[in-house]
Amino acid sequence: MPDIEPKNELPPQPPFPREKTEGIVSWIFLDDAGLRGIWRLALYASVTAILGFSELIFLQLAVGPPPGRFNLGYWFPYEVLSFAAVFGAALVMAKIEGRPAGVYGLPRKGAFGKLFWQGCAIGFVEVGGLVGLIYIFGGYSFGEIELHGVEALRWALVWAVLFLFVGLFEEFLFRGYTQFTLAEMVGFWPAAILLSLFFGAVHRDNLGETWTGIAGVALTGMVFAFGLKRTGNLWLVVGWHATFDFGETYLFSVPNSGTVFRGHLSGATLHGPDWLTGGSAGPEASVFSFVMLGVLTLAVHVLFPAKKKEISPS
């Protein structure tokens, strides 16, 4: 029998060589900065969902199930815990990404500083100017004072603190970590447009909301994004957002995104065509809301000029 030399057979090869497989996986998940933005957003959403679900369980045990109508005892802790969820998830992402959490829009150094109070002033100018214009054209009556003394002060404090957390929650949700990360992927303004449209869309289920009101909310999101762009953080627009809501709900006692809440200062009424008063949505759907947003965008442009980019020497 002749000698049969064993064949030098190579071991079976995987469909893709290991180096190529690792390259594909790296390309899918990583870029030059580390984990790709889409996966960071997915991770942020997952952490937020976990914290938000924990929040709902806590509220269910401590307060009870979500009420079918306005209930301050439920709404107040809900807004506080909602902000804790979206900001807490950003703190987790800051650790993962090796960044200070302040880059996402709420730096601790500027907390409740000059920008915040400037935002409060702008918010008062907006809501006061808006309701004032509706009044001049015969669409608003202040009515009789319904709260007096300690009761008036108590409700003013309740609404001020509540709307502070509403401002913190909504501004960080739509213009905080998500805006920062999405802007790295597609650019600042494409991200701002997308998130502002989403900001408007989430208001569509509000009682009494209208399409004009939703458009006004979306435009407000763009104006707030402009404020973020010019100031570098969210403290201006947090104060602006909170104060506008406070003015509508308490001070001028008109519908806020379609709802008139109890604990308002006066028995105010809106009367006249919807283009003037905003109809069931309230003044934020009035044609004058769009006018005020235009004026205040110009004011932000003047008050907070764009920083000139330094040109490195060639």
Protein backbone atom coordinates (compact mmCIF):
# COMPACT_ATOMS: atom_id res chain seq x y z
CA MET A 1 0.00 0.00 0.00
CA PRO A 2 1.52 3.33 -1.00
CA ASP A 3 2.15 5.93 1.64
CA ILE A 4 -0.50 8.61 1.63
CA GLU A 5 0.85 11.91 2.80
CA PRO A 6 -1.54 13.76 5.08
CA LYS A 7 -3.01 16.88 3.49
CA ASN A 8 -2.14 20.20 5.00
CA GLU A 9 -5.78 21.29 5.46
CA LEU A 10 -6.57 24.65 7.03
CA PRO A 11 -9.16 24.75 9.82
CA PRO A 12 -12.60 25.88 8.64
CA GLN A 13 -12.84 29.66 8.41
CA PRO A 14 -15.72 31.72 9.87
CA PRO A 15 -17.87 33.65 7.39
CA PHE A 16 -15.94 36.81 8.28
CA PRO A 17 -12.37 36.91 9.56
CA ARG A 18 -12.13 38.00 13.18
CA GLU A 19 -10.42 41.26 12.25
CA LYS A 20 -13.19 42.11 9.78
CA THR A 21 -15.93 41.13 12.26
CA GLU A 22 -14.40 43.34 14.94
CA GLY A 23 -14.17 46.12 12.40
CA ILE A 24 -17.85 45.86 11.51
CA VAL A 25 -18.91 45.80 15.17
CA SER A 26 -16.70 48.79 15.92
CA TRP A 27 -18.15 50.70 12.95
CA ILE A 28 -21.72 49.96 14.07
CA PHE A 29 -21.25 51.00 17.68
CA LEU A 30 -18.27 53.37 17.73
CA ASP A 31 -17.03 56.51 16.04
CA ASP A 32 -14.02 58.73 16.64
CA ALA A 33 -15.62 60.14 19.80
CA GLY A 34 -16.55 56.75 21.28
CA LEU A 35 -20.03 55.25 21.39
CA ARG A 36 -22.13 56.53 18.48
CA GLY A 37 -24.77 59.14 19.25
CA ILE A 38 -27.69 56.90 18.30
CA TRP A 39 -26.64 54.32 20.89
CA ARG A 40 -26.05 56.99 23.52
CA LEU A 41 -29.56 58.31 22.92
CA ALA A 42 -30.95 54.78 23.16
CA LEU A 43 -29.07 54.20 26.42
CA TYR A 44 -30.25 57.56 27.80
CA ALA A 45 -33.84 56.72 26.87
CA SER A 46 -33.53 53.33 28.56
CA VAL A 47 -32.16 54.78 31.80
CA THR A 48 -34.83 57.49 31.74
CA ALA A 49 -37.54 54.86 31.20
CA ILE A 50 -36.27 52.80 34.15
CA LEU A 51 -36.20 55.85 36.42
CA GLY A 52 -39.58 57.03 35.11
CA PHE A 53 -41.16 53.62 35.71
CA SER A 54 -39.77 53.64 39.26
CA GLU A 55 -41.27 57.10 39.69
CA LEU A 56 -44.72 55.88 38.63
CA ILE A 57 -44.54 52.96 41.03
CA PHE A 58 -43.59 55.32 43.85
CA LEU A 59 -46.44 57.69 43.00
CA GLN A 60 -48.87 54.78 42.83
CA LEU A 61 -47.85 53.65 46.32
CA ALA A 62 -47.53 57.09 47.91
CA VAL A 63 -50.30 59.09 46.22
CA GLY A 64 -52.51 56.67 44.32
CA PRO A 65 -53.29 56.06 40.65
CA PRO A 66 -53.18 58.95 38.16
CA PRO A 67 -56.38 60.98 38.54
CA GLY A 68 -58.64 61.51 35.58
CA ARG A 69 -58.56 65.29 36.08
CA PHE A 70 -56.34 67.93 37.63
CA ASN A 71 -55.04 66.95 41.05
CA LEU A 72 -52.29 69.10 42.53
CA GLY A 73 -51.34 66.41 45.05
CA TYR A 74 -50.42 64.13 42.15
CA TRP A 75 -49.17 66.67 39.61
CA PHE A 76 -46.67 68.36 41.92
CA PRO A 77 -44.62 65.26 42.84
CA TYR A 78 -45.00 63.99 39.26
CA GLU A 79 -43.20 67.05 37.85
CA VAL A 80 -40.49 66.92 40.51
CA LEU A 81 -39.83 63.22 39.95
CA SER A 82 -40.03 63.59 36.17
CA PHE A 83 -37.26 66.16 36.25
CA ALA A 84 -35.28 63.90 38.60
CA ALA A 85 -35.65 61.06 36.07
CA VAL A 86 -34.47 62.95 32.97
CA PHE A 87 -31.66 64.72 34.82
CA GLY A 88 -30.64 61.61 36.77
CA ALA A 89 -30.31 59.69 33.50
CA ALA A 90 -28.06 62.48 32.19
CA LEU A 91 -25.86 62.16 35.29
CA VAL A 92 -25.46 58.46 34.46
CA MET A 93 -24.55 59.33 30.86
CA ALA A 94 -22.08 61.96 32.04
CA LYS A 95 -20.22 59.24 33.98
CA ILE A 96 -20.25 56.92 30.98
CA GLU A 97 -19.12 59.62 28.55
CA GLY A 98 -16.58 61.17 30.91
CA ARG A 99 -18.09 64.63 30.66
CA PRO A 100 -19.30 67.12 33.27
CA ALA A 101 -23.10 66.96 33.44
CA GLY A 102 -23.27 70.74 33.00
CA VAL A 103 -22.48 70.47 29.28
CA TYR A 104 -26.01 69.12 28.76
CA GLY A 105 -27.53 72.49 29.59
CA LEU A 106 -27.88 72.94 33.34
CA PRO A 107 -24.44 73.80 34.73
CA ARG A 108 -24.45 73.98 38.52
CA LYS A 109 -22.37 77.15 38.46
CA GLY A 110 -25.13 79.14 36.75
CA ALA A 111 -28.02 77.69 38.74
CA PHE A 112 -30.60 80.41 39.48
CA GLY A 113 -28.10 83.07 38.57
CA LYS A 114 -28.30 86.11 36.31
CA LEU A 115 -29.52 84.25 33.22
CA PHE A 116 -32.34 82.59 35.15
CA TRP A 117 -33.67 85.91 36.45
CA GLN A 118 -33.29 87.52 33.03
CA GLY A 119 -35.41 84.65 31.71
CA CYS A 120 -38.01 85.34 34.39
CA ALA A 121 -38.15 88.97 33.29
CA ILE A 122 -38.56 87.96 29.64
CA GLY A 123 -41.32 85.51 30.60
CA PHE A 124 -43.22 88.28 32.40
CA VAL A 125 -42.76 90.59 29.41
CA GLU A 126 -44.10 87.93 27.07
CA VAL A 127 -47.18 86.95 29.06
CA GLY A 128 -47.91 90.54 30.11
CA GLY A 129 -47.52 91.84 26.57
CA LEU A 130 -49.60 89.01 25.15
CA VAL A 131 -52.52 89.42 27.55
CA GLY A 132 -52.18 93.20 27.29
CA LEU A 133 -52.59 93.10 23.51
CA ILE A 134 -55.62 90.82 23.81
CA TYR A 135 -57.06 93.30 26.36
CA ILE A 136 -56.46 96.30 24.10
CA PHE A 137 -58.42 94.59 21.33
CA GLY A 138 -61.27 93.80 23.73
CA GLY A 139 -60.63 90.09 24.31
CA TYR A 140 -59.67 89.96 28.01
CA SER A 141 -61.29 90.99 31.28
CA PHE A 142 -59.42 90.58 34.57
CA GLY A 143 -62.56 90.05 36.63
CA GLU A 144 -62.82 90.19 40.40
CA ILE A 145 -60.04 89.06 42.71
CA GLU A 146 -60.84 85.56 43.97
CA LEU A 147 -57.89 84.99 46.32
CA HIS A 148 -56.95 87.24 49.22
CA GLY A 149 -54.25 87.54 51.85
CA VAL A 150 -52.48 84.34 52.91
CA GLU A 151 -54.47 82.24 50.45
CA ALA A 152 -53.32 84.37 47.52
CA LEU A 153 -49.71 84.18 48.72
CA ARG A 154 -49.95 80.42 49.28
CA TRP A 155 -51.21 79.75 45.76
CA ALA A 156 -48.64 82.11 44.24
CA LEU A 157 -45.87 80.14 45.98
CA VAL A 158 -47.36 76.77 44.97
CA TRP A 159 -47.60 77.76 41.32
CA ALA A 160 -44.16 79.40 41.29
CA VAL A 161 -42.44 76.26 42.62
CA LEU A 162 -44.51 73.89 40.50
CA PHE A 163 -43.84 75.77 37.27
CA LEU A 164 -40.16 75.97 38.12
CA PHE A 165 -40.10 72.16 38.00
CA VAL A 166 -42.27 72.14 34.87
CA GLY A 167 -39.70 74.42 33.24
CA LEU A 168 -36.77 72.30 34.43
CA PHE A 169 -38.39 69.05 33.32
CA GLU A 170 -39.64 70.12 29.89
CA GLU A 171 -36.60 72.20 28.97
CA PHE A 172 -34.14 69.46 29.93
CA LEU A 173 -36.26 66.77 28.29
CA PHE A 174 -36.43 68.58 24.94
CA ARG A 175 -33.36 70.81 24.97
CA GLY A 176 -30.97 69.11 27.41
CA TYR A 177 -29.17 65.82 26.89
CA THR A 178 -31.24 64.87 23.84
CA GLN A 179 -30.57 68.19 22.06
CA PHE A 180 -26.86 68.02 22.93
CA THR A 181 -26.40 64.48 21.61
CA LEU A 182 -28.66 64.80 18.58
CA ALA A 183 -26.88 68.04 17.64
CA GLU A 184 -23.57 66.14 17.58
CA MET A 185 -25.14 63.79 15.03
CA VAL A 186 -27.09 66.08 12.70
CA GLY A 187 -26.25 69.65 13.73
CA PHE A 188 -27.81 72.07 16.20
CA TRP A 189 -30.70 73.43 14.13
CA PRO A 190 -31.89 70.17 12.55
CA ALA A 191 -31.97 68.72 16.08
CA ALA A 192 -33.80 71.78 17.41
CA ILE A 193 -36.42 71.62 14.64
CA LEU A 194 -37.08 67.92 15.22
CA LEU A 195 -37.37 68.29 18.99
CA SER A 196 -39.50 71.44 18.75
CA LEU A 197 -41.98 69.60 16.53
CA PHE A 198 -42.05 66.82 19.10
CA PHE A 199 -42.47 69.44 21.85
CA GLY A 200 -45.57 70.71 20.09
CA ALA A 201 -46.90 67.23 19.37
CA VAL A 202 -46.86 66.10 23.01
CA HIS A 203 -49.26 68.95 23.84
CA ARG A 204 -51.92 67.75 21.42
CA ASP A 205 -53.70 65.62 24.03
CA ASN A 206 -54.09 68.51 26.46
CA LEU A 207 -57.70 69.30 27.24
CA GLY A 208 -58.86 72.21 25.07
CA GLU A 209 -55.67 72.32 22.98
CA THR A 210 -55.95 73.37 19.31
CA TRP A 211 -53.72 73.03 16.25
CA THR A 212 -52.90 76.73 16.47
CA GLY A 213 -51.86 76.22 20.08
CA ILE A 214 -49.69 73.25 19.11
CA ALA A 215 -48.04 75.36 16.40
CA GLY A 216 -47.41 78.07 19.01
CA VAL A 217 -45.81 75.54 21.36
CA ALA A 218 -43.57 74.21 18.57
CA LEU A 219 -42.51 77.76 17.65
CA THR A 220 -41.83 78.45 21.33
CA GLY A 221 -39.53 75.42 21.31
CA MET A 222 -37.57 76.97 18.44
CA VAL A 223 -37.30 80.30 20.26
CA PHE A 224 -36.10 78.52 23.40
CA ALA A 225 -33.54 76.62 21.29
CA PHE A 226 -32.34 79.99 20.01
CA GLY A 227 -31.98 81.12 23.62
CA LEU A 228 -29.95 77.99 24.36
CA LYS A 229 -27.76 78.62 21.33
CA ARG A 230 -27.02 82.22 22.30
CA THR A 231 -26.47 81.70 26.05
CA GLY A 232 -24.88 78.25 26.02
CA ASN A 233 -27.18 76.77 28.65
CA LEU A 234 -30.83 76.37 29.65
CA TRP A 235 -31.08 78.67 32.66
CA LEU A 236 -32.47 81.59 30.65
CA VAL A 237 -35.26 79.52 29.09
CA VAL A 238 -36.06 77.65 32.32
CA GLY A 239 -36.87 80.99 33.98
CA TRP A 240 -38.70 82.17 30.86
CA HIS A 241 -40.80 78.98 30.60
CA ALA A 242 -41.68 78.89 34.31
CA THR A 243 -42.66 82.55 34.47
CA PHE A 244 -44.83 82.44 31.37
CA ASP A 245 -46.77 79.46 32.78
CA PHE A 246 -47.08 81.22 36.13
CA GLY A 247 -48.41 84.36 34.45
CA GLU A 248 -51.02 82.51 32.41
CA THR A 249 -52.21 80.21 35.19
CA TYR A 250 -52.10 82.38 38.29
CA LEU A 251 -51.51 86.05 37.55
CA PHE A 252 -53.83 86.51 34.55
CA SER A 253 -55.99 83.44 35.32
CA VAL A 254 -56.39 82.27 31.71
CA PRO A 255 -56.16 78.80 30.13
CA ASN A 256 -52.67 77.30 30.09
CA SER A 257 -52.36 74.89 27.14
CA GLY A 258 -56.11 74.47 27.18
CA THR A 259 -56.77 74.20 30.93
CA VAL A 260 -57.91 76.72 33.52
CA PHE A 261 -56.50 75.50 36.81
CA ARG A 262 -57.95 76.18 40.22
CA GLY A 263 -56.05 78.47 42.55
CA HIS A 264 -55.93 81.38 40.09
CA LEU A 265 -55.93 84.99 41.21
CA SER A 266 -59.05 86.35 39.54
CA GLY A 267 -62.20 85.44 37.68
CA ALA A 268 -60.71 86.49 34.36
CA THR A 269 -62.52 85.83 31.10
CA LEU A 270 -61.56 85.73 27.43
CA HIS A 271 -64.13 86.87 24.88
CA GLY A 272 -63.95 87.47 21.17
CA PRO A 273 -62.74 85.58 18.10
CA ASP A 274 -60.31 82.68 18.49
CA TRP A 275 -57.61 84.45 16.47
CA LEU A 276 -57.57 87.09 19.20
CA THR A 277 -58.02 85.09 22.41
CA GLY A 278 -56.59 81.74 21.35
CA GLY A 279 -59.94 80.06 21.89
CA SER A 280 -60.04 77.04 24.18
CA ALA A 281 -56.24 76.70 24.11
CA GLY A 282 -55.75 80.11 25.71
CA PRO A 283 -53.57 83.13 24.84
CA GLU A 284 -50.63 81.02 23.66
CA ALA A 285 -52.75 80.20 20.56
CA SER A 286 -53.59 83.86 19.88
CA VAL A 287 -52.15 85.54 16.81
CA PHE A 288 -50.45 87.93 19.23
CA SER A 289 -48.52 85.02 20.72
CA PHE A 290 -46.68 84.64 17.42
CA VAL A 291 -46.09 88.40 17.36
CA MET A 292 -44.61 88.36 20.87
CA LEU A 293 -42.39 85.39 20.05
CA GLY A 294 -41.04 87.27 17.05
CA VAL A 295 -40.34 90.38 19.11
CA LEU A 296 -38.64 88.40 21.88
CA THR A 297 -36.52 86.46 19.40
CA LEU A 298 -35.20 89.82 18.21
CA ALA A 299 -34.65 90.83 21.85
CA VAL A 300 -32.62 87.67 22.52
CA HIS A 301 -30.60 88.38 19.37
CA VAL A 302 -29.76 91.87 20.66
CA LEU A 303 -29.28 91.03 24.35
CA PHE A 304 -27.22 87.89 23.80
CA PRO A 305 -25.09 88.40 20.69
CA ALA A 306 -23.47 85.42 19.03
CA LYS A 307 -19.94 84.77 20.19
CA LYS A 308 -17.38 85.31 17.49
CA LYS A 309 -15.37 82.24 16.61
CA GLU A 310 -11.68 82.65 17.14
CA ILE A 311 -9.71 82.20 13.93
CA SER A 312 -6.49 80.33 14.52
CA PRO A 313 -3.43 81.85 12.81
CA SER A 314 -2.40 80.06 9.62
